[in-house]
Amino acid sequence: MTRDEALAYAQDRYGAEPEYLWEKFPAGFVLRHQSNRKWFAVSMDVRRDRLGLEGDGVVCVMDVKCGALLGGSYLDKPGVIPAWHMNKNQWIGFLLDGTTEDGTVKELLEISYDLTKGK
């Protein structure tokens, strides 16, 4: 799945619009619940070498909340990595460059949305 596809899915499924919060990082955004304003996803462009990936340039990474036990079960899937900028015990990341399968992205977004929706 790509960044644009993930954003379209989040808008259709959750009514979430990206919020670009950082002037220094114009491609970075968060997705929030409309009701409680909690983040359920954060995305940023990261240099490939900082992630231990081959090649030059940057890749779009999205971090989502999933919990330590569940997150570990996804790390063997294509494109899924430890969270880049969030707590690695509670969040997991995935690449939005077409590497991560659509079903995996949708599952992880759903898990994160449910975990952050509150009571």
N, C-alpha and C. Protein backbone atom coordinates (compact mmCIF):
# COMPACT_ATOMS: atom_id res chain seq x y z
N MET A 1 0.85 -1.18 0.00
CA MET A 1 0.00 0.00 0.00
C MET A 1 0.89 1.24 0.00
N THR A 2 0.43 2.28 -0.64
CA THR A 2 1.18 3.53 -0.70
C THR A 2 0.59 4.54 0.29
N ARG A 3 1.27 5.65 0.46
CA ARG A 3 0.78 6.72 1.35
C ARG A 3 -0.60 7.19 0.92
N ASP A 4 -0.76 7.48 -0.37
CA ASP A 4 -2.05 7.97 -0.86
C ASP A 4 -3.17 6.96 -0.66
N GLU A 5 -2.87 5.68 -0.88
CA GLU A 5 -3.87 4.64 -0.67
C GLU A 5 -4.24 4.51 0.80
N ALA A 6 -3.25 4.60 1.69
CA ALA A 6 -3.52 4.52 3.12
C ALA A 6 -4.36 5.70 3.59
N LEU A 7 -4.05 6.88 3.08
CA LEU A 7 -4.83 8.07 3.45
C LEU A 7 -6.26 7.96 2.95
N ALA A 8 -6.44 7.48 1.73
CA ALA A 8 -7.79 7.31 1.20
C ALA A 8 -8.57 6.28 2.02
N TYR A 9 -7.92 5.20 2.40
CA TYR A 9 -8.57 4.18 3.22
C TYR A 9 -8.97 4.75 4.58
N ALA A 10 -8.05 5.48 5.24
CA ALA A 10 -8.34 6.05 6.55
C ALA A 10 -9.49 7.06 6.48
N GLN A 11 -9.55 7.80 5.41
CA GLN A 11 -10.64 8.76 5.26
C GLN A 11 -11.97 8.04 5.06
N ASP A 12 -11.97 7.03 4.19
CA ASP A 12 -13.20 6.28 3.92
C ASP A 12 -13.67 5.49 5.15
N ARG A 13 -12.76 4.83 5.81
CA ARG A 13 -13.10 3.92 6.92
C ARG A 13 -13.37 4.67 8.22
N TYR A 14 -12.54 5.68 8.54
CA TYR A 14 -12.60 6.32 9.84
C TYR A 14 -12.96 7.81 9.79
N GLY A 15 -13.08 8.35 8.60
CA GLY A 15 -13.34 9.78 8.48
C GLY A 15 -12.16 10.63 8.91
N ALA A 16 -10.97 10.05 8.89
CA ALA A 16 -9.76 10.72 9.38
C ALA A 16 -9.06 11.46 8.25
N GLU A 17 -8.80 12.72 8.49
CA GLU A 17 -8.04 13.55 7.56
C GLU A 17 -6.64 13.73 8.13
N PRO A 18 -5.61 13.72 7.28
CA PRO A 18 -4.26 13.92 7.80
C PRO A 18 -4.10 15.34 8.36
N GLU A 19 -3.40 15.43 9.47
CA GLU A 19 -3.05 16.72 10.05
C GLU A 19 -1.54 16.87 9.97
N TYR A 20 -1.11 17.89 9.29
CA TYR A 20 0.32 18.16 9.10
C TYR A 20 0.74 19.14 10.19
N LEU A 21 1.43 18.63 11.21
CA LEU A 21 1.70 19.39 12.41
C LEU A 21 3.08 20.04 12.47
N TRP A 22 4.00 19.59 11.64
CA TRP A 22 5.39 20.01 11.80
C TRP A 22 5.89 20.74 10.57
N GLU A 23 6.17 22.01 10.73
CA GLU A 23 6.70 22.82 9.63
C GLU A 23 8.03 22.27 9.14
N LYS A 24 8.85 21.79 10.08
CA LYS A 24 10.16 21.25 9.74
C LYS A 24 10.07 19.94 8.95
N PHE A 25 8.95 19.22 9.09
CA PHE A 25 8.73 17.94 8.42
C PHE A 25 7.41 18.00 7.65
N PRO A 26 7.38 18.66 6.51
CA PRO A 26 6.11 18.92 5.82
C PRO A 26 5.37 17.68 5.33
N ALA A 27 6.07 16.56 5.15
CA ALA A 27 5.39 15.34 4.70
C ALA A 27 4.82 14.55 5.86
N GLY A 28 5.22 14.87 7.09
CA GLY A 28 4.75 14.14 8.26
C GLY A 28 3.33 14.53 8.64
N PHE A 29 2.56 13.55 9.07
CA PHE A 29 1.18 13.82 9.47
C PHE A 29 0.73 12.84 10.53
N VAL A 30 -0.37 13.18 11.18
CA VAL A 30 -1.02 12.28 12.13
C VAL A 30 -2.45 12.04 11.67
N LEU A 31 -3.00 10.91 12.08
CA LEU A 31 -4.42 10.62 11.91
C LEU A 31 -5.00 10.50 13.31
N ARG A 32 -6.10 11.22 13.55
CA ARG A 32 -6.71 11.27 14.87
C ARG A 32 -8.15 10.79 14.84
N HIS A 33 -8.60 10.35 16.01
CA HIS A 33 -10.03 10.11 16.21
C HIS A 33 -10.74 11.45 16.18
N GLN A 34 -11.91 11.49 15.59
CA GLN A 34 -12.68 12.72 15.58
C GLN A 34 -13.24 13.03 16.97
N SER A 35 -13.54 11.99 17.75
CA SER A 35 -14.19 12.21 19.05
C SER A 35 -13.23 12.63 20.15
N ASN A 36 -12.11 11.93 20.31
CA ASN A 36 -11.22 12.22 21.43
C ASN A 36 -9.89 12.85 21.02
N ARG A 37 -9.68 13.02 19.73
CA ARG A 37 -8.49 13.67 19.17
C ARG A 37 -7.19 12.88 19.40
N LYS A 38 -7.29 11.64 19.87
CA LYS A 38 -6.08 10.83 20.06
C LYS A 38 -5.54 10.37 18.71
N TRP A 39 -4.23 10.32 18.64
CA TRP A 39 -3.58 9.81 17.44
C TRP A 39 -3.78 8.30 17.36
N PHE A 40 -4.12 7.82 16.16
CA PHE A 40 -4.07 6.37 15.95
C PHE A 40 -3.04 6.01 14.89
N ALA A 41 -2.48 7.02 14.24
CA ALA A 41 -1.39 6.78 13.29
C ALA A 41 -0.57 8.06 13.16
N VAL A 42 0.72 7.87 12.95
CA VAL A 42 1.62 8.98 12.67
C VAL A 42 2.53 8.53 11.53
N SER A 43 2.76 9.42 10.59
CA SER A 43 3.55 9.06 9.43
C SER A 43 4.62 10.11 9.16
N MET A 44 5.76 9.66 8.67
CA MET A 44 6.86 10.54 8.34
C MET A 44 7.74 9.91 7.28
N ASP A 45 8.47 10.75 6.59
CA ASP A 45 9.47 10.26 5.65
C ASP A 45 10.78 10.10 6.41
N VAL A 46 11.42 8.93 6.24
CA VAL A 46 12.65 8.60 6.95
C VAL A 46 13.67 8.11 5.94
N ARG A 47 14.91 8.52 6.13
CA ARG A 47 15.98 8.03 5.25
C ARG A 47 16.08 6.51 5.38
N ARG A 48 16.20 5.86 4.26
CA ARG A 48 16.25 4.40 4.23
C ARG A 48 17.38 3.84 5.09
N ASP A 49 18.54 4.48 5.06
CA ASP A 49 19.68 3.97 5.83
C ASP A 49 19.43 4.05 7.34
N ARG A 50 18.61 5.00 7.79
CA ARG A 50 18.31 5.11 9.23
C ARG A 50 17.42 3.97 9.69
N LEU A 51 16.73 3.33 8.75
CA LEU A 51 15.88 2.18 9.07
C LEU A 51 16.59 0.85 8.84
N GLY A 52 17.85 0.93 8.38
CA GLY A 52 18.59 -0.28 8.07
C GLY A 52 18.18 -0.89 6.74
N LEU A 53 17.56 -0.08 5.87
CA LEU A 53 17.12 -0.56 4.55
C LEU A 53 18.16 -0.23 3.50
N GLU A 54 18.24 -1.05 2.50
CA GLU A 54 19.15 -0.80 1.40
C GLU A 54 18.62 0.31 0.51
N GLY A 55 19.53 0.95 -0.20
CA GLY A 55 19.14 1.98 -1.14
C GLY A 55 19.26 3.37 -0.56
N ASP A 56 19.16 4.34 -1.45
CA ASP A 56 19.24 5.74 -1.08
C ASP A 56 17.85 6.35 -0.98
N GLY A 57 17.81 7.55 -0.46
CA GLY A 57 16.56 8.29 -0.42
C GLY A 57 15.75 8.02 0.83
N VAL A 58 14.49 8.42 0.77
CA VAL A 58 13.60 8.30 1.92
C VAL A 58 12.44 7.37 1.59
N VAL A 59 11.80 6.90 2.64
CA VAL A 59 10.62 6.06 2.52
C VAL A 59 9.59 6.57 3.52
N CYS A 60 8.34 6.50 3.15
CA CYS A 60 7.25 6.89 4.05
C CYS A 60 6.98 5.74 5.01
N VAL A 61 7.02 6.07 6.31
CA VAL A 61 6.76 5.09 7.37
C VAL A 61 5.53 5.54 8.14
N MET A 62 4.66 4.61 8.47
CA MET A 62 3.51 4.91 9.32
C MET A 62 3.62 4.06 10.58
N ASP A 63 3.51 4.71 11.74
CA ASP A 63 3.49 4.00 13.02
C ASP A 63 2.05 3.96 13.53
N VAL A 64 1.68 2.82 14.09
CA VAL A 64 0.34 2.62 14.66
C VAL A 64 0.48 1.91 16.00
N LYS A 65 -0.46 2.15 16.89
CA LYS A 65 -0.45 1.50 18.19
C LYS A 65 -0.96 0.07 18.06
N CYS A 66 -0.28 -0.89 18.73
CA CYS A 66 -0.76 -2.26 18.63
C CYS A 66 -0.49 -3.08 19.88
N GLY A 67 0.33 -2.62 20.79
CA GLY A 67 0.67 -3.40 21.96
C GLY A 67 1.84 -4.33 21.68
N ALA A 68 2.59 -4.64 22.71
CA ALA A 68 3.83 -5.40 22.56
C ALA A 68 3.63 -6.81 22.02
N LEU A 69 2.69 -7.54 22.57
CA LEU A 69 2.51 -8.93 22.16
C LEU A 69 2.03 -9.04 20.72
N LEU A 70 1.05 -8.27 20.37
CA LEU A 70 0.49 -8.33 19.03
C LEU A 70 1.48 -7.79 17.99
N GLY A 71 2.17 -6.73 18.34
CA GLY A 71 3.11 -6.13 17.40
C GLY A 71 4.19 -7.09 16.94
N GLY A 72 4.69 -7.89 17.86
CA GLY A 72 5.73 -8.85 17.52
C GLY A 72 5.29 -9.86 16.48
N SER A 73 4.02 -10.19 16.46
CA SER A 73 3.53 -11.19 15.51
C SER A 73 3.47 -10.64 14.08
N TYR A 74 3.57 -9.33 13.92
CA TYR A 74 3.54 -8.74 12.58
C TYR A 74 4.93 -8.48 12.00
N LEU A 75 5.97 -8.57 12.82
CA LEU A 75 7.31 -8.17 12.36
C LEU A 75 7.88 -9.07 11.28
N ASP A 76 7.30 -10.24 11.07
CA ASP A 76 7.80 -11.10 10.00
C ASP A 76 7.10 -10.85 8.67
N LYS A 77 6.16 -9.92 8.65
CA LYS A 77 5.43 -9.61 7.41
C LYS A 77 6.21 -8.59 6.58
N PRO A 78 6.10 -8.67 5.25
CA PRO A 78 6.82 -7.72 4.39
C PRO A 78 6.45 -6.27 4.70
N GLY A 79 7.48 -5.44 4.87
CA GLY A 79 7.28 -4.02 5.06
C GLY A 79 6.99 -3.59 6.49
N VAL A 80 6.84 -4.52 7.42
CA VAL A 80 6.55 -4.18 8.81
C VAL A 80 7.87 -4.10 9.58
N ILE A 81 8.02 -3.03 10.35
CA ILE A 81 9.26 -2.75 11.06
C ILE A 81 8.93 -2.28 12.48
N PRO A 82 9.94 -2.29 13.39
CA PRO A 82 9.70 -1.68 14.69
C PRO A 82 9.34 -0.20 14.50
N ALA A 83 8.54 0.33 15.38
CA ALA A 83 8.13 1.73 15.28
C ALA A 83 9.35 2.63 15.14
N TRP A 84 9.22 3.64 14.31
CA TRP A 84 10.35 4.52 14.09
C TRP A 84 10.47 5.57 15.19
N HIS A 85 9.44 6.30 15.47
CA HIS A 85 9.58 7.44 16.36
C HIS A 85 8.69 7.34 17.60
N MET A 86 8.01 6.23 17.77
CA MET A 86 7.11 6.07 18.90
C MET A 86 7.64 4.95 19.81
N ASN A 87 6.99 4.73 20.93
CA ASN A 87 7.37 3.70 21.88
C ASN A 87 7.31 2.33 21.19
N LYS A 88 8.45 1.67 21.09
CA LYS A 88 8.53 0.41 20.37
C LYS A 88 7.81 -0.74 21.09
N ASN A 89 7.45 -0.55 22.36
CA ASN A 89 6.69 -1.57 23.08
C ASN A 89 5.21 -1.50 22.75
N GLN A 90 4.72 -0.35 22.37
CA GLN A 90 3.29 -0.17 22.13
C GLN A 90 2.93 0.14 20.69
N TRP A 91 3.92 0.51 19.88
CA TRP A 91 3.66 0.92 18.50
C TRP A 91 4.51 0.08 17.56
N ILE A 92 4.03 -0.04 16.32
CA ILE A 92 4.75 -0.76 15.27
C ILE A 92 4.68 0.09 14.01
N GLY A 93 5.63 -0.10 13.12
CA GLY A 93 5.65 0.69 11.89
C GLY A 93 5.53 -0.18 10.66
N PHE A 94 5.19 0.47 9.56
CA PHE A 94 5.19 -0.22 8.28
C PHE A 94 5.50 0.78 7.18
N LEU A 95 6.05 0.27 6.10
CA LEU A 95 6.44 1.09 4.97
C LEU A 95 5.25 1.34 4.06
N LEU A 96 5.13 2.58 3.61
CA LEU A 96 4.06 2.92 2.67
C LEU A 96 4.66 3.22 1.30
N ASP A 97 5.39 2.24 0.80
CA ASP A 97 6.02 2.35 -0.51
C ASP A 97 5.59 1.22 -1.44
N GLY A 98 4.52 0.54 -1.06
CA GLY A 98 4.04 -0.60 -1.84
C GLY A 98 4.54 -1.93 -1.31
N THR A 99 5.46 -1.91 -0.33
CA THR A 99 6.02 -3.14 0.23
C THR A 99 5.04 -3.86 1.15
N THR A 100 4.35 -3.10 1.98
CA THR A 100 3.43 -3.69 2.95
C THR A 100 2.11 -4.04 2.28
N GLU A 101 1.65 -5.26 2.50
CA GLU A 101 0.41 -5.72 1.87
C GLU A 101 -0.79 -4.91 2.37
N ASP A 102 -1.73 -4.68 1.49
CA ASP A 102 -2.92 -3.89 1.83
C ASP A 102 -3.64 -4.45 3.06
N GLY A 103 -3.80 -5.76 3.12
CA GLY A 103 -4.50 -6.37 4.24
C GLY A 103 -3.80 -6.12 5.57
N THR A 104 -2.48 -6.14 5.56
CA THR A 104 -1.70 -5.89 6.77
C THR A 104 -1.90 -4.45 7.23
N VAL A 105 -1.85 -3.50 6.30
CA VAL A 105 -2.06 -2.09 6.64
C VAL A 105 -3.45 -1.89 7.24
N LYS A 106 -4.45 -2.47 6.62
CA LYS A 106 -5.82 -2.32 7.11
C LYS A 106 -6.00 -2.94 8.49
N GLU A 107 -5.42 -4.12 8.70
CA GLU A 107 -5.50 -4.77 10.02
C GLU A 107 -4.85 -3.91 11.10
N LEU A 108 -3.65 -3.40 10.81
CA LEU A 108 -2.92 -2.62 11.80
C LEU A 108 -3.60 -1.28 12.08
N LEU A 109 -4.16 -0.66 11.07
CA LEU A 109 -4.92 0.58 11.30
C LEU A 109 -6.15 0.30 12.16
N GLU A 110 -6.82 -0.80 11.91
CA GLU A 110 -8.01 -1.17 12.69
C GLU A 110 -7.65 -1.41 14.16
N ILE A 111 -6.57 -2.15 14.38
CA ILE A 111 -6.12 -2.42 15.75
C ILE A 111 -5.81 -1.11 16.47
N SER A 112 -5.05 -0.25 15.81
CA SER A 112 -4.67 1.02 16.42
C SER A 112 -5.89 1.89 16.70
N TYR A 113 -6.79 1.95 15.74
CA TYR A 113 -8.00 2.75 15.92
C TYR A 113 -8.78 2.26 17.14
N ASP A 114 -8.93 0.94 17.26
CA ASP A 114 -9.66 0.38 18.40
C ASP A 114 -8.95 0.63 19.73
N LEU A 115 -7.63 0.51 19.74
CA LEU A 115 -6.87 0.70 20.98
C LEU A 115 -6.87 2.14 21.46
N THR A 116 -7.07 3.09 20.57
CA THR A 116 -6.97 4.50 20.94
C THR A 116 -8.32 5.21 21.00
N LYS A 117 -9.41 4.48 20.79
CA LYS A 117 -10.71 5.15 20.75
C LYS A 117 -11.25 5.53 22.12
N GLY A 118 -10.70 5.00 23.17
CA GLY A 118 -11.18 5.34 24.52
C GLY A 118 -12.41 4.54 24.88
N LYS A 119 -13.04 4.98 25.96
CA LYS A 119 -14.19 4.23 26.49
C LYS A 119 -15.47 4.63 25.79
